[in-house]
N, C-alpha and C. Protein backbone atom coordinates (compact mmCIF):
# COMPACT_ATOMS: atom_id res chain seq x y z
N MET A 1 -8.95 -3.65 44.36
CA MET A 1 -9.56 -4.92 44.04
C MET A 1 -9.80 -5.08 42.54
N LEU A 2 -10.24 -4.00 41.88
CA LEU A 2 -10.49 -4.09 40.45
C LEU A 2 -9.21 -4.34 39.68
N ASN A 3 -8.13 -3.70 40.09
CA ASN A 3 -6.87 -3.89 39.40
C ASN A 3 -6.39 -5.34 39.48
N LEU A 4 -6.55 -5.96 40.62
CA LEU A 4 -6.16 -7.35 40.79
C LEU A 4 -7.01 -8.25 39.91
N ALA A 5 -8.33 -8.02 39.89
CA ALA A 5 -9.23 -8.82 39.06
C ALA A 5 -8.91 -8.61 37.59
N ASP A 6 -8.65 -7.36 37.21
CA ASP A 6 -8.32 -7.05 35.82
C ASP A 6 -7.02 -7.74 35.41
N LYS A 7 -6.03 -7.70 36.28
CA LYS A 7 -4.74 -8.34 36.00
C LYS A 7 -4.93 -9.85 35.85
N GLN A 8 -5.74 -10.45 36.71
CA GLN A 8 -5.98 -11.89 36.63
C GLN A 8 -6.72 -12.24 35.34
N ASN A 9 -7.67 -11.39 34.94
CA ASN A 9 -8.39 -11.63 33.68
C ASN A 9 -7.45 -11.56 32.48
N ARG A 10 -6.55 -10.57 32.50
CA ARG A 10 -5.58 -10.44 31.41
C ARG A 10 -4.63 -11.63 31.37
N GLN A 11 -4.21 -12.10 32.53
CA GLN A 11 -3.32 -13.26 32.58
C GLN A 11 -4.03 -14.51 32.07
N ALA A 12 -5.29 -14.67 32.44
CA ALA A 12 -6.05 -15.83 31.97
C ALA A 12 -6.25 -15.77 30.46
N LEU A 13 -6.56 -14.59 29.95
CA LEU A 13 -6.74 -14.41 28.51
C LEU A 13 -5.42 -14.67 27.77
N SER A 14 -4.34 -14.16 28.32
CA SER A 14 -3.03 -14.37 27.72
C SER A 14 -2.70 -15.86 27.64
N LYS A 15 -3.00 -16.58 28.69
CA LYS A 15 -2.75 -18.02 28.72
C LYS A 15 -3.58 -18.74 27.66
N LYS A 16 -4.85 -18.34 27.52
CA LYS A 16 -5.73 -18.97 26.51
C LYS A 16 -5.23 -18.70 25.10
N VAL A 17 -4.79 -17.47 24.86
CA VAL A 17 -4.27 -17.11 23.54
C VAL A 17 -3.02 -17.92 23.23
N LYS A 18 -2.12 -18.05 24.18
CA LYS A 18 -0.90 -18.84 23.97
C LYS A 18 -1.25 -20.29 23.67
N GLU A 19 -2.21 -20.85 24.40
CA GLU A 19 -2.64 -22.22 24.14
C GLU A 19 -3.21 -22.36 22.73
N LEU A 20 -3.99 -21.36 22.31
CA LEU A 20 -4.54 -21.39 20.96
C LEU A 20 -3.44 -21.34 19.92
N PHE A 21 -2.45 -20.47 20.12
CA PHE A 21 -1.32 -20.40 19.19
C PHE A 21 -0.58 -21.74 19.13
N ASP A 22 -0.36 -22.35 20.29
CA ASP A 22 0.33 -23.64 20.33
C ASP A 22 -0.46 -24.70 19.56
N LYS A 23 -1.77 -24.73 19.76
CA LYS A 23 -2.60 -25.70 19.05
C LYS A 23 -2.57 -25.44 17.54
N THR A 24 -2.63 -24.18 17.17
CA THR A 24 -2.60 -23.82 15.75
C THR A 24 -1.29 -24.26 15.11
N GLN A 25 -0.21 -24.02 15.79
CA GLN A 25 1.10 -24.39 15.25
C GLN A 25 1.28 -25.90 15.14
N SER A 26 0.52 -26.66 15.92
CA SER A 26 0.67 -28.11 15.87
C SER A 26 -0.22 -28.76 14.80
N LEU A 27 -1.05 -27.96 14.12
CA LEU A 27 -1.90 -28.52 13.07
C LEU A 27 -1.05 -29.04 11.92
N PRO A 28 -1.46 -30.15 11.31
CA PRO A 28 -0.71 -30.68 10.17
C PRO A 28 -0.65 -29.67 9.04
N GLY A 29 0.50 -29.50 8.47
CA GLY A 29 0.67 -28.60 7.34
C GLY A 29 1.05 -27.19 7.72
N VAL A 30 0.80 -26.78 8.94
CA VAL A 30 1.12 -25.41 9.33
C VAL A 30 2.63 -25.20 9.31
N GLN A 31 3.36 -26.14 9.78
CA GLN A 31 4.82 -26.00 9.81
C GLN A 31 5.43 -26.05 8.41
N ASP A 32 4.65 -26.53 7.44
CA ASP A 32 5.16 -26.64 6.07
C ASP A 32 5.14 -25.31 5.33
N ILE A 33 4.50 -24.30 5.87
CA ILE A 33 4.40 -23.00 5.21
C ILE A 33 5.72 -22.25 5.40
N THR A 34 6.27 -21.79 4.28
CA THR A 34 7.55 -21.08 4.34
C THR A 34 7.34 -19.58 4.50
N GLU A 35 8.39 -18.91 4.89
CA GLU A 35 8.34 -17.45 5.00
C GLU A 35 8.02 -16.82 3.65
N GLU A 36 8.56 -17.41 2.60
CA GLU A 36 8.31 -16.90 1.24
C GLU A 36 6.82 -17.00 0.89
N GLU A 37 6.19 -18.12 1.24
CA GLU A 37 4.76 -18.29 0.98
C GLU A 37 3.93 -17.28 1.78
N ILE A 38 4.34 -17.02 3.00
CA ILE A 38 3.64 -16.03 3.82
C ILE A 38 3.76 -14.65 3.18
N ALA A 39 4.97 -14.31 2.74
CA ALA A 39 5.19 -13.01 2.09
C ALA A 39 4.35 -12.89 0.82
N GLU A 40 4.25 -13.98 0.05
CA GLU A 40 3.44 -13.97 -1.18
C GLU A 40 1.96 -13.75 -0.85
N GLU A 41 1.48 -14.40 0.20
CA GLU A 41 0.09 -14.23 0.63
C GLU A 41 -0.18 -12.78 1.03
N ILE A 42 0.75 -12.20 1.77
CA ILE A 42 0.59 -10.81 2.21
C ILE A 42 0.57 -9.88 1.00
N GLU A 43 1.48 -10.10 0.07
CA GLU A 43 1.55 -9.26 -1.13
C GLU A 43 0.28 -9.40 -1.96
N ALA A 44 -0.23 -10.62 -2.10
CA ALA A 44 -1.49 -10.83 -2.84
C ALA A 44 -2.64 -10.10 -2.16
N TYR A 45 -2.68 -10.16 -0.85
CA TYR A 45 -3.72 -9.47 -0.09
C TYR A 45 -3.62 -7.96 -0.32
N ARG A 46 -2.41 -7.45 -0.27
CA ARG A 46 -2.22 -6.00 -0.47
C ARG A 46 -2.63 -5.58 -1.87
N ARG A 47 -2.28 -6.39 -2.88
CA ARG A 47 -2.69 -6.07 -4.25
C ARG A 47 -4.20 -6.05 -4.37
N GLU A 48 -4.85 -7.05 -3.78
CA GLU A 48 -6.32 -7.13 -3.84
C GLU A 48 -6.93 -5.94 -3.10
N ASP A 49 -6.37 -5.58 -1.96
CA ASP A 49 -6.86 -4.44 -1.21
C ASP A 49 -6.71 -3.16 -2.03
N LEU A 50 -5.59 -3.04 -2.72
CA LEU A 50 -5.35 -1.88 -3.56
C LEU A 50 -6.36 -1.83 -4.70
N LYS A 51 -6.65 -2.98 -5.30
CA LYS A 51 -7.65 -3.04 -6.37
C LYS A 51 -9.00 -2.55 -5.86
N GLU A 52 -9.37 -2.99 -4.67
CA GLU A 52 -10.65 -2.57 -4.09
C GLU A 52 -10.67 -1.07 -3.84
N LYS A 53 -9.56 -0.52 -3.36
CA LYS A 53 -9.50 0.92 -3.11
C LYS A 53 -9.63 1.69 -4.42
N TRP A 54 -8.93 1.22 -5.48
CA TRP A 54 -9.02 1.89 -6.77
C TRP A 54 -10.44 1.81 -7.32
N ALA A 55 -11.06 0.64 -7.22
CA ALA A 55 -12.42 0.46 -7.72
C ALA A 55 -13.37 1.41 -6.98
N LYS A 56 -13.21 1.51 -5.68
CA LYS A 56 -14.06 2.41 -4.90
C LYS A 56 -13.83 3.86 -5.33
N GLY A 57 -12.58 4.21 -5.54
CA GLY A 57 -12.27 5.57 -5.99
C GLY A 57 -12.89 5.88 -7.34
N PHE A 58 -12.79 4.93 -8.29
CA PHE A 58 -13.40 5.13 -9.60
C PHE A 58 -14.92 5.26 -9.49
N GLN A 59 -15.52 4.47 -8.62
CA GLN A 59 -16.95 4.53 -8.42
C GLN A 59 -17.36 5.90 -7.87
N GLU A 60 -16.58 6.42 -6.94
CA GLU A 60 -16.87 7.73 -6.37
C GLU A 60 -16.76 8.81 -7.44
N VAL A 61 -15.76 8.70 -8.31
CA VAL A 61 -15.61 9.68 -9.40
C VAL A 61 -16.81 9.60 -10.34
N GLU A 62 -17.23 8.39 -10.69
CA GLU A 62 -18.39 8.24 -11.57
C GLU A 62 -19.64 8.84 -10.92
N GLU A 63 -19.80 8.63 -9.63
CA GLU A 63 -20.95 9.20 -8.94
C GLU A 63 -20.89 10.72 -8.94
N MET A 64 -19.69 11.28 -8.79
CA MET A 64 -19.54 12.74 -8.84
C MET A 64 -19.88 13.25 -10.23
N GLU A 65 -19.47 12.53 -11.27
CA GLU A 65 -19.77 12.94 -12.64
C GLU A 65 -21.27 12.93 -12.88
N LEU A 66 -21.96 11.89 -12.37
CA LEU A 66 -23.40 11.83 -12.51
C LEU A 66 -24.05 13.03 -11.82
N THR A 67 -23.59 13.32 -10.65
CA THR A 67 -24.14 14.45 -9.90
C THR A 67 -23.89 15.75 -10.67
N ALA A 68 -22.71 15.91 -11.24
CA ALA A 68 -22.40 17.12 -11.98
C ALA A 68 -23.27 17.22 -13.22
N SER A 69 -23.49 16.11 -13.93
CA SER A 69 -24.34 16.16 -15.12
C SER A 69 -25.79 16.42 -14.77
N GLU A 70 -26.22 15.89 -13.62
CA GLU A 70 -27.59 16.17 -13.17
C GLU A 70 -27.76 17.65 -12.86
N ILE A 71 -26.73 18.23 -12.27
CA ILE A 71 -26.77 19.66 -11.94
C ILE A 71 -26.82 20.49 -13.22
N SER A 72 -25.99 20.15 -14.21
CA SER A 72 -25.95 20.93 -15.45
C SER A 72 -27.24 20.79 -16.24
N GLU A 73 -27.92 19.64 -16.10
CA GLU A 73 -29.20 19.46 -16.78
C GLU A 73 -30.26 20.37 -16.20
N LYS A 74 -30.15 20.66 -14.90
CA LYS A 74 -31.13 21.50 -14.24
C LYS A 74 -30.94 22.97 -14.60
N ASP A 75 -29.73 23.35 -15.05
CA ASP A 75 -29.44 24.76 -15.39
C ASP A 75 -30.03 25.15 -16.68
């Protein structure tokens, strides 16, 4: 019984997702987006993500340096 209910729930969810995709694709301007524009957006996102990772890494290094200097001050 659970498997049947689970399968029906998945089918209903799948139908809702497809309807949402169809509605999204019918919005004005959505069809005007080119593959090139999508690729540019993805690349910009990746560059920004990389910047954030580098910034976090630099921050961690600075925190380690502070900790090391605090330790040497105690010696």
